[in-house]
């Protein structure tokens, strides 16, 4: 399938050069098979019938065949793998978004009547409610679409223009961290992320990293599937934190120190905590590849190379020593090497290692014993920090028909004191647990 990497400015003179989806198959190739597609009547924005109970399993060949006769909507948020739609509802607002977020040029973009929609997959926490956006004068500036019952039309005929929905950049949605989005000054009410509870103040201070850093490592091990692995060529520095589309574009098995520094290079101030955390994970990957830990001299070599290249974006009030301490603490906090998935690592170890005594003590069923082993390995990976695990991820790993049953398993683990639930899950974020090792 040929795809266009060209991106237009959003003005009417560029719209004619864009494309539209030619088939449902092509649409799924771009969005992914984990996205829920909704049947809508032609020239409407409303799905035909109730769709709240649709799942990925509902996307059968017969169901998908019916989509070709009308408009196609896309369910958003957790239902579709944390896919969101940033609707910019005015042509004049497109450029401010692109100026502040140049990486948006590299994600899927569509156009209906005006402006455009940027399609993104979210890493970690994000506002899981749809929010209308406004200008300071009270004008309509579009929507942040991510709520439980939110959807956005991506294919068909627009009800107002009677013209096809256009694709301005036919590429896969980028995977980004919500904190990466810089909101234009024209937007008076940008969506905000609810503050999450820290592990505890003592633990957070002991690592010397921000709360978002301490959470991000565990976020990446669950539904986000190691999406911090970036999609740009290794020889080119990233344009923004946690941006990626195709993990295979970077061969982390051949990572070098120069590559690690390039992948962690900021492009503006106030990003360095995030980038030093990526650098710490990159060093972990270098150690993983070589099979031995870095010496203090090697650690300093990596930091000095990064510090020398990042001078333009360093804060004047912070010294080199300040940044070196941040890096060493970020390295200490990082548990999963860059390019690896913590859940997959734990899943592999759970199959390879002997069952934990907690599993044998409480259960006879092989699947429940294996899930206990998975939780143990996740805890081993994360050290003293809690780990994230969702019922849907367990459903996927064990190939179950529903996430309800594994949710019951995990709750029973808490009653049996195999696990402590540190924080209950919510849309866009899995529950956080700590494994209680049996001392008997």
Protein backbone atom coordinates (compact mmCIF):
# COMPACT_ATOMS: atom_id res chain seq x y z
CA UNK A 1 0.00 0.00 0.00
CA UNK A 2 1.39 3.39 -0.93
CA UNK A 3 1.11 6.12 1.65
CA UNK A 4 1.62 9.83 1.39
CA UNK A 5 4.01 11.46 3.84
CA UNK A 6 3.22 14.95 2.66
CA UNK A 7 1.47 17.30 5.05
CA UNK A 8 -0.38 20.44 4.11
CA UNK A 9 -0.78 23.63 6.06
CA UNK A 10 -4.49 23.20 6.63
CA UNK A 11 -5.52 25.98 4.23
CA UNK A 12 -8.08 25.29 1.54
CA UNK A 13 -5.53 25.39 -1.28
CA UNK A 14 -3.87 22.23 0.05
CA UNK A 15 -6.94 20.13 0.70
CA UNK A 16 -7.37 19.20 -2.95
CA UNK A 17 -4.02 17.39 -2.90
CA UNK A 18 -5.08 15.01 -0.11
CA UNK A 19 -6.59 11.51 -0.29
CA UNK A 20 -9.34 9.46 1.28
CA UNK A 21 -9.51 5.87 2.48
CA UNK A 22 -10.32 3.59 -0.40
CA UNK A 23 -11.38 0.57 1.68
CA UNK A 24 -12.05 -0.61 5.22
CA UNK A 25 -8.98 -2.83 4.88
CA UNK A 26 -6.80 0.21 4.20
CA UNK A 27 -8.39 2.00 7.13
CA UNK A 28 -7.53 -0.87 9.49
CA UNK A 29 -3.98 -1.06 8.15
CA UNK A 30 -3.48 2.54 9.25
CA UNK A 31 -5.41 2.53 12.53
CA UNK A 32 -4.62 -1.02 13.67
CA UNK A 33 -6.74 -4.10 14.34
CA UNK A 34 -7.39 -3.11 17.97
CA UNK A 35 -9.57 -0.16 16.96
CA UNK A 36 -13.38 -0.35 17.00
CA UNK A 37 -14.96 0.85 13.76
CA UNK A 38 -18.58 2.01 13.87
CA UNK A 39 -21.28 1.81 11.21
CA UNK A 40 -22.95 5.14 10.47
CA UNK A 41 -25.50 6.05 7.85
CA UNK A 42 -24.12 7.81 4.82
CA UNK A 43 -23.71 11.58 5.30
CA UNK A 44 -24.27 11.35 9.07
CA UNK A 45 -22.08 11.46 12.16
CA UNK A 46 -24.25 9.22 14.33
CA UNK A 47 -23.51 5.48 14.64
CA UNK A 48 -26.28 3.15 13.53
CA UNK A 49 -27.63 1.44 16.64
CA UNK A 50 -26.06 0.94 20.06
CA UNK A 51 -22.33 0.41 19.99
CA UNK A 52 -21.35 0.56 23.66
CA UNK A 53 -20.92 -3.21 23.89
CA UNK A 54 -18.82 -3.60 20.76
CA UNK A 55 -15.36 -5.11 21.28
CA UNK A 56 -12.42 -5.97 19.06
CA UNK A 57 -13.96 -9.43 18.72
CA UNK A 58 -16.99 -7.74 17.11
CA UNK A 59 -14.86 -6.66 14.14
CA UNK A 60 -15.68 -9.82 12.18
CA UNK A 61 -15.42 -10.02 8.37
CA UNK A 62 -19.22 -9.82 8.11
CA UNK A 63 -19.36 -6.74 10.33
CA UNK A 64 -16.50 -5.01 8.50
CA UNK A 65 -18.16 -5.74 5.14
CA UNK A 66 -21.22 -3.74 6.20
CA UNK A 67 -19.07 -0.65 6.86
CA UNK A 68 -18.52 -0.03 3.16
CA UNK A 69 -22.10 1.14 2.63
CA UNK A 70 -21.99 4.25 4.86
CA UNK A 71 -19.85 6.56 6.94
CA UNK A 72 -17.31 5.00 9.30
CA UNK A 73 -16.73 6.21 12.83
CA UNK A 74 -13.92 5.27 15.19
CA UNK A 75 -14.50 4.58 18.89
CA UNK A 76 -11.95 6.47 20.98
CA UNK A 77 -10.14 6.04 24.27
CA UNK A 78 -9.52 2.77 26.05
CA UNK A 79 -11.93 0.87 23.76
CA UNK A 80 -9.57 1.42 20.84
CA UNK A 81 -6.14 1.03 22.38
CA UNK A 82 -6.04 4.60 23.75
CA UNK A 83 -6.54 6.18 20.34
CA UNK A 84 -7.69 9.80 20.63
CA UNK A 85 -8.75 12.47 18.14
CA UNK A 86 -7.59 16.06 18.59
CA UNK A 87 -10.18 17.98 16.59
CA UNK A 88 -8.96 21.42 15.49
CA UNK A 89 -12.17 23.07 14.33
CA UNK A 90 -10.74 26.13 12.58
CA UNK A 91 -8.24 26.48 9.74
CA UNK A 92 -6.44 29.36 11.47
CA UNK A 93 -5.69 27.21 14.55
CA UNK A 94 -3.85 24.48 12.65
CA UNK A 95 -0.60 26.41 12.24
CA UNK A 96 -0.29 27.29 15.96
CA UNK A 97 -0.56 23.60 16.82
CA UNK A 98 2.04 22.62 14.23
CA UNK A 99 4.41 25.44 15.22
CA UNK A 100 4.43 24.31 18.85
CA UNK A 101 4.23 20.58 18.07
CA UNK A 102 6.11 19.99 14.79
CA UNK A 103 5.91 16.24 15.32
CA UNK A 104 2.16 16.45 14.63
CA UNK A 105 3.11 16.66 10.96
CA UNK A 106 4.08 12.98 11.20
CA UNK A 107 0.79 11.59 12.48
CA UNK A 108 -2.49 10.65 10.77
CA UNK A 109 -4.52 13.75 9.87
CA UNK A 110 -8.01 13.99 8.41
CA UNK A 111 -10.23 16.85 7.24
CA UNK A 112 -14.00 17.26 7.23
CA UNK A 113 -15.51 20.73 6.77
CA UNK A 114 -12.69 22.85 8.26
CA UNK A 115 -9.48 22.57 10.24
CA UNK A 116 -8.34 19.02 10.74
CA UNK A 117 -8.22 16.11 13.14
CA UNK A 118 -4.90 14.85 14.50
CA UNK A 119 -5.12 11.15 15.44
CA UNK A 120 -2.83 9.99 18.26
CA UNK A 121 -2.30 6.99 20.50
CA UNK A 122 -1.62 7.93 24.11
CA UNK A 123 1.14 6.55 26.29
CA UNK A 124 0.50 6.44 30.03
CA UNK A 125 -2.03 8.76 31.62
CA UNK A 126 -4.23 11.12 29.61
CA UNK A 127 -7.53 12.93 30.16
CA UNK A 128 -10.09 10.21 29.45
CA UNK A 129 -13.02 12.58 29.00
CA UNK A 130 -14.09 14.34 25.82
CA UNK A 131 -13.68 18.08 26.28
CA UNK A 132 -14.88 20.90 24.00
CA UNK A 133 -12.10 23.42 23.40
CA UNK A 134 -12.67 27.15 23.27
CA UNK A 135 -10.83 30.31 22.29
CA UNK A 136 -10.48 33.18 24.77
CA UNK A 137 -13.41 34.90 23.08
CA UNK A 138 -15.60 31.85 23.71
CA UNK A 139 -15.43 30.61 20.13
CA UNK A 140 -15.41 26.93 19.17
CA UNK A 141 -11.85 25.60 18.90
CA UNK A 142 -12.64 21.92 18.47
CA UNK A 143 -12.55 18.99 20.87
CA UNK A 144 -10.24 16.67 22.75
CA UNK A 145 -12.01 13.37 22.01
CA UNK A 146 -11.09 10.53 24.32
CA UNK A 147 -14.14 9.73 26.45
CA UNK A 148 -15.76 6.37 27.07
CA UNK A 149 -18.55 6.96 24.55
CA UNK A 150 -16.66 9.22 22.16
CA UNK A 151 -16.23 8.55 18.48
CA UNK A 152 -15.09 10.47 15.43
CA UNK A 153 -15.98 10.03 11.75
CA UNK A 154 -12.98 9.17 9.61
CA UNK A 155 -14.43 7.95 6.31
CA UNK A 156 -17.48 8.64 4.17
CA UNK A 157 -19.37 11.78 3.18
CA UNK A 158 -19.49 14.86 5.39
CA UNK A 159 -23.14 15.82 6.15
CA UNK A 160 -22.52 19.55 5.61
CA UNK A 161 -20.19 19.68 2.60
CA UNK A 162 -21.54 16.53 0.90
CA UNK A 163 -17.91 15.78 0.08
CA UNK A 164 -15.69 12.86 1.22
CA UNK A 165 -13.72 13.08 4.45
CA UNK A 166 -10.14 13.64 3.35
CA UNK A 167 -6.88 12.19 4.64
CA UNK A 168 -4.20 14.87 4.75
CA UNK A 169 -1.42 12.56 5.93
CA UNK A 170 -1.98 8.85 5.46
CA UNK A 171 0.32 7.40 8.10
CA UNK A 172 -0.23 5.52 11.35
CA UNK A 173 -1.15 7.57 14.43
CA UNK A 174 1.91 8.50 16.46
CA UNK A 175 2.20 7.24 20.02
CA UNK A 176 2.79 10.18 22.36
CA UNK A 177 2.82 11.08 26.00
CA UNK A 178 0.08 13.56 26.94
CA UNK A 179 2.60 15.83 28.65
CA UNK A 180 4.33 16.22 25.28
CA UNK A 181 1.46 18.25 23.81
CA UNK A 182 2.02 22.00 23.88
CA UNK A 183 -1.29 23.86 23.72
CA UNK A 184 -1.49 27.07 21.65
CA UNK A 185 -2.16 30.29 23.51
CA UNK A 186 -5.36 30.64 21.50
CA UNK A 187 -6.90 27.73 23.46
CA UNK A 188 -8.41 29.05 26.70
CA UNK A 189 -9.28 25.70 28.30
CA UNK A 190 -6.81 22.97 27.30
CA UNK A 191 -7.51 19.55 28.85
CA UNK A 192 -5.61 18.81 32.02
CA UNK A 193 -4.36 15.55 33.44
CA UNK A 194 -5.61 14.74 36.92
CA UNK A 195 -2.77 14.56 39.38
CA UNK A 196 -2.03 10.95 40.23
CA UNK A 197 -1.15 9.81 43.72
CA UNK A 198 2.61 9.30 44.12
CA UNK A 199 3.96 6.08 45.51
CA UNK A 200 4.88 8.08 48.59
CA UNK A 201 6.96 11.16 49.18
CA UNK A 202 9.88 9.28 50.71
CA UNK A 203 10.15 6.83 47.84
CA UNK A 204 9.82 9.54 45.21
CA UNK A 205 12.51 11.68 46.83
CA UNK A 206 14.82 8.71 47.21
CA UNK A 207 14.88 8.27 43.45
CA UNK A 208 15.28 11.98 42.81
CA UNK A 209 12.88 11.95 39.87
CA UNK A 210 9.57 13.61 39.19
CA UNK A 211 6.28 11.83 39.86
CA UNK A 212 5.65 11.47 36.16
CA UNK A 213 9.01 9.80 35.75
CA UNK A 214 8.45 7.36 38.56
CA UNK A 215 5.11 6.35 37.01
CA UNK A 216 6.18 6.29 33.40
CA UNK A 217 8.36 3.23 33.74
CA UNK A 218 5.48 1.13 34.98
CA UNK A 219 3.00 2.65 32.52
CA UNK A 220 5.18 1.43 29.70
CA UNK A 221 5.03 -2.16 30.90
CA UNK A 222 1.28 -2.57 30.50
CA UNK A 223 -1.19 -1.61 27.77
CA UNK A 224 1.23 0.85 26.22
CA UNK A 225 3.40 -2.07 25.12
CA UNK A 226 6.78 -0.39 25.31
CA UNK A 227 5.73 2.45 23.05
CA UNK A 228 8.50 4.65 24.31
CA UNK A 229 10.55 2.88 21.66
CA UNK A 230 10.80 5.57 19.05
CA UNK A 231 10.19 5.34 15.33
CA UNK A 232 12.78 7.74 13.92
CA UNK A 233 16.09 6.50 12.51
CA UNK A 234 18.72 6.07 15.20
CA UNK A 235 20.97 8.60 13.51
CA UNK A 236 18.38 11.34 13.99
CA UNK A 237 17.38 12.81 17.37
CA UNK A 238 13.74 12.69 18.35
CA UNK A 239 11.57 15.74 17.75
CA UNK A 240 9.57 15.27 20.93
CA UNK A 241 9.32 13.01 23.99
CA UNK A 242 7.65 9.64 23.64
CA UNK A 243 6.76 9.95 19.98
CA UNK A 244 6.66 6.78 17.90
CA UNK A 245 4.75 4.76 15.38
CA UNK A 246 6.74 1.76 14.24
CA UNK A 247 8.96 0.21 16.91
CA UNK A 248 10.79 -1.83 14.31
CA UNK A 249 12.37 1.31 12.79
CA UNK A 250 15.03 1.30 15.52
CA UNK A 251 17.24 -1.75 15.98
CA UNK A 252 17.90 -1.50 19.71
CA UNK A 253 20.02 -4.65 19.61
CA UNK A 254 22.70 -2.58 17.83
CA UNK A 255 22.38 0.56 19.95
CA UNK A 256 25.54 2.62 20.49
CA UNK A 257 26.35 5.36 22.99
CA UNK A 258 26.00 7.92 20.19
CA UNK A 259 22.55 6.53 19.37
CA UNK A 260 21.50 6.63 23.03
CA UNK A 261 22.52 10.29 23.31
CA UNK A 262 20.71 11.18 20.08
CA UNK A 263 17.52 9.47 21.23
CA UNK A 264 17.56 11.45 24.48
CA UNK A 265 18.30 14.90 23.07
CA UNK A 266 15.80 17.66 24.03
CA UNK A 267 14.52 20.27 21.60
CA UNK A 268 13.44 22.89 24.14
CA UNK A 269 13.90 23.73 27.81
CA UNK A 270 11.97 22.09 30.67
CA UNK A 271 12.09 18.66 29.02
CA UNK A 272 15.32 17.38 30.51
CA UNK A 273 13.84 15.19 33.26
CA UNK A 274 11.96 13.23 30.60
CA UNK A 275 14.94 12.95 28.30
CA UNK A 276 17.35 11.91 31.06
CA UNK A 277 14.92 9.15 31.95
CA UNK A 278 15.03 7.97 28.33
CA UNK A 279 18.83 8.18 28.45
CA UNK A 280 18.80 6.05 31.61
CA UNK A 281 16.67 3.42 29.86
CA UNK A 282 18.97 3.58 26.84
CA UNK A 283 21.98 2.85 29.07
CA UNK A 284 20.05 -0.07 30.54
CA UNK A 285 19.61 -1.34 26.96
CA UNK A 286 23.33 -0.97 26.26
CA UNK A 287 24.01 -3.01 29.39
CA UNK A 288 21.42 -5.59 28.33
CA UNK A 289 23.05 -5.90 24.91
CA UNK A 290 26.57 -6.32 26.30
CA UNK A 291 25.56 -8.53 29.21
CA UNK A 292 27.41 -6.46 31.80
CA UNK A 293 26.76 -3.24 33.75
CA UNK A 294 28.39 0.07 32.90
CA UNK A 295 31.27 1.23 35.07
CA UNK A 296 31.06 4.66 36.75
CA UNK A 297 33.49 5.91 34.10
CA UNK A 298 31.20 4.72 31.29
CA UNK A 299 28.19 6.30 32.97
CA UNK A 300 30.02 9.61 33.19
CA UNK A 301 31.07 9.31 29.53
CA UNK A 302 27.44 8.94 28.44
CA UNK A 303 26.30 11.86 30.58
CA UNK A 304 29.12 14.19 29.45
CA UNK A 305 28.32 13.47 25.80
CA UNK A 306 24.63 14.24 26.40
CA UNK A 307 25.37 17.37 28.45
CA UNK A 308 27.72 18.74 25.80
CA UNK A 309 25.14 18.38 23.04
CA UNK A 310 22.15 19.61 25.10
CA UNK A 311 23.65 22.96 26.11
CA UNK A 312 21.13 25.03 24.16
CA UNK A 313 18.22 23.58 26.14
CA UNK A 314 19.68 23.45 29.64
CA UNK A 315 18.36 25.71 32.35
CA UNK A 316 20.81 28.46 33.31
CA UNK A 317 20.19 28.09 37.04
CA UNK A 318 21.20 24.39 37.04
CA UNK A 319 24.83 23.28 37.02
CA UNK A 320 26.37 20.32 35.25
CA UNK A 321 26.46 18.53 38.59
CA UNK A 322 22.73 19.10 39.01
CA UNK A 323 22.04 17.44 35.67
CA UNK A 324 24.46 14.61 36.37
CA UNK A 325 22.65 13.83 39.63
CA UNK A 326 19.33 13.87 37.76
CA UNK A 327 20.72 11.43 35.22
CA UNK A 328 22.15 9.04 37.81
CA UNK A 329 18.84 9.00 39.68
CA UNK A 330 16.88 8.54 36.44
CA UNK A 331 19.14 5.59 35.56
CA UNK A 332 18.57 4.12 39.01
CA UNK A 333 14.80 4.55 38.63
CA UNK A 334 14.65 2.96 35.17
CA UNK A 335 13.87 -0.72 35.40
CA UNK A 336 13.16 -1.70 31.79
CA UNK A 337 15.75 -1.27 29.02
CA UNK A 338 14.69 0.92 26.11
CA UNK A 339 13.04 -1.14 23.40
CA UNK A 340 11.90 -3.93 25.71
CA UNK A 341 8.40 -4.53 27.09
CA UNK A 342 8.24 -5.22 30.82
CA UNK A 343 5.11 -7.39 30.64
CA UNK A 344 6.61 -9.50 27.85
CA UNK A 345 9.83 -9.83 29.85
CA UNK A 346 7.87 -10.92 32.91
CA UNK A 347 5.67 -13.27 30.84
CA UNK A 348 8.75 -15.01 29.45
CA UNK A 349 10.34 -15.34 32.89
CA UNK A 350 7.07 -16.62 34.39
CA UNK A 351 7.19 -19.53 31.93
CA UNK A 352 10.91 -20.19 32.44
CA UNK A 353 11.25 -19.95 36.23
CA UNK A 354 9.81 -22.31 38.86
CA UNK A 355 6.36 -21.42 40.14
CA UNK A 356 6.37 -19.21 43.23
CA UNK A 357 5.26 -20.84 46.50
CA UNK A 358 2.34 -18.38 46.64
CA UNK A 359 0.92 -19.94 43.44
CA UNK A 360 1.26 -23.55 44.62
CA UNK A 361 -0.08 -22.72 48.07
CA UNK A 362 -3.35 -21.22 46.89
CA UNK A 363 -4.24 -22.61 43.45
CA UNK A 364 -4.49 -25.85 41.49
CA UNK A 365 -5.43 -24.28 38.11
CA UNK A 366 -2.44 -23.78 35.80
CA UNK A 367 -3.58 -20.37 34.50
CA UNK A 368 -4.06 -18.89 37.95
CA UNK A 369 -0.68 -20.22 39.04
CA UNK A 370 0.90 -18.69 35.95
CA UNK A 371 -0.73 -15.33 36.66
CA UNK A 372 0.75 -15.37 40.18
CA UNK A 373 4.13 -16.08 38.59
CA UNK A 374 3.65 -13.18 36.17
CA UNK A 375 2.92 -10.82 39.07
CA UNK A 376 6.03 -12.01 40.88
CA UNK A 377 8.22 -11.39 37.84
CA UNK A 378 6.71 -7.93 37.31
CA UNK A 379 7.56 -7.10 40.92
CA UNK A 380 11.11 -8.41 40.48
CA UNK A 381 11.52 -6.16 37.45
CA UNK A 382 10.26 -3.08 39.28
CA UNK A 383 12.13 -3.62 42.51
CA UNK A 384 10.49 -1.75 45.37
CA UNK A 385 8.14 0.18 43.08
CA UNK A 386 4.60 -1.12 42.39
CA UNK A 387 3.78 -2.43 38.94
CA UNK A 388 0.84 -1.82 36.59
CA UNK A 389 -1.29 -4.65 35.26
CA UNK A 390 -4.76 -4.49 33.71
CA UNK A 391 -7.37 -7.21 33.40
CA UNK A 392 -7.46 -6.60 29.65
CA UNK A 393 -3.74 -7.30 29.39
CA UNK A 394 -4.26 -10.57 31.31
CA UNK A 395 -7.15 -11.38 28.96
CA UNK A 396 -4.83 -10.86 26.00
CA UNK A 397 -1.97 -12.94 27.43
CA UNK A 398 -4.19 -15.88 28.42
CA UNK A 399 -6.37 -15.58 25.29
CA UNK A 400 -9.58 -15.32 27.30
CA UNK A 401 -12.93 -14.25 25.87
CA UNK A 402 -13.48 -11.45 28.38
CA UNK A 403 -11.51 -9.28 30.81
CA UNK A 404 -14.11 -9.87 33.54
CA UNK A 405 -12.69 -13.22 34.61
CA UNK A 406 -9.07 -12.03 35.01
CA UNK A 407 -10.38 -9.00 36.90
CA UNK A 408 -11.92 -11.43 39.39
CA UNK A 409 -8.65 -13.35 39.61
CA UNK A 410 -6.70 -10.21 40.44
CA UNK A 411 -9.24 -9.16 43.07
CA UNK A 412 -8.99 -12.59 44.68
CA UNK A 413 -5.19 -12.25 44.75
CA UNK A 414 -5.68 -9.12 46.87
CA UNK A 415 -8.06 -10.90 49.25
CA UNK A 416 -5.51 -13.72 49.62
CA UNK A 417 -2.84 -11.06 50.24
CA UNK A 418 -0.76 -12.24 47.30
CA UNK A 419 -1.10 -8.68 46.00
CA UNK A 420 -1.74 -5.27 47.51
CA UNK A 421 -3.71 -2.95 45.23
CA UNK A 422 -1.83 0.33 45.58
CA UNK A 423 -4.02 2.33 43.19
CA UNK A 424 -7.24 1.29 41.46
CA UNK A 425 -7.31 1.51 37.70
CA UNK A 426 -9.20 4.09 35.70
CA UNK A 427 -9.73 4.78 31.98
CA UNK A 428 -6.33 5.01 30.32
CA UNK A 429 -4.46 3.65 33.34
CA UNK A 430 -4.18 0.10 34.70
CA UNK A 431 -4.36 -0.77 38.39
CA UNK A 432 -1.13 -0.66 40.34
CA UNK A 433 -0.11 -3.58 42.54
CA UNK A 434 2.66 -4.71 44.86
CA UNK A 435 3.48 -8.42 45.18
CA UNK A 436 3.72 -9.83 48.71
CA UNK A 437 6.45 -12.45 48.74
CA UNK A 438 5.71 -15.45 50.96
CA UNK A 439 8.34 -15.64 53.70
CA UNK A 440 7.13 -18.99 54.98
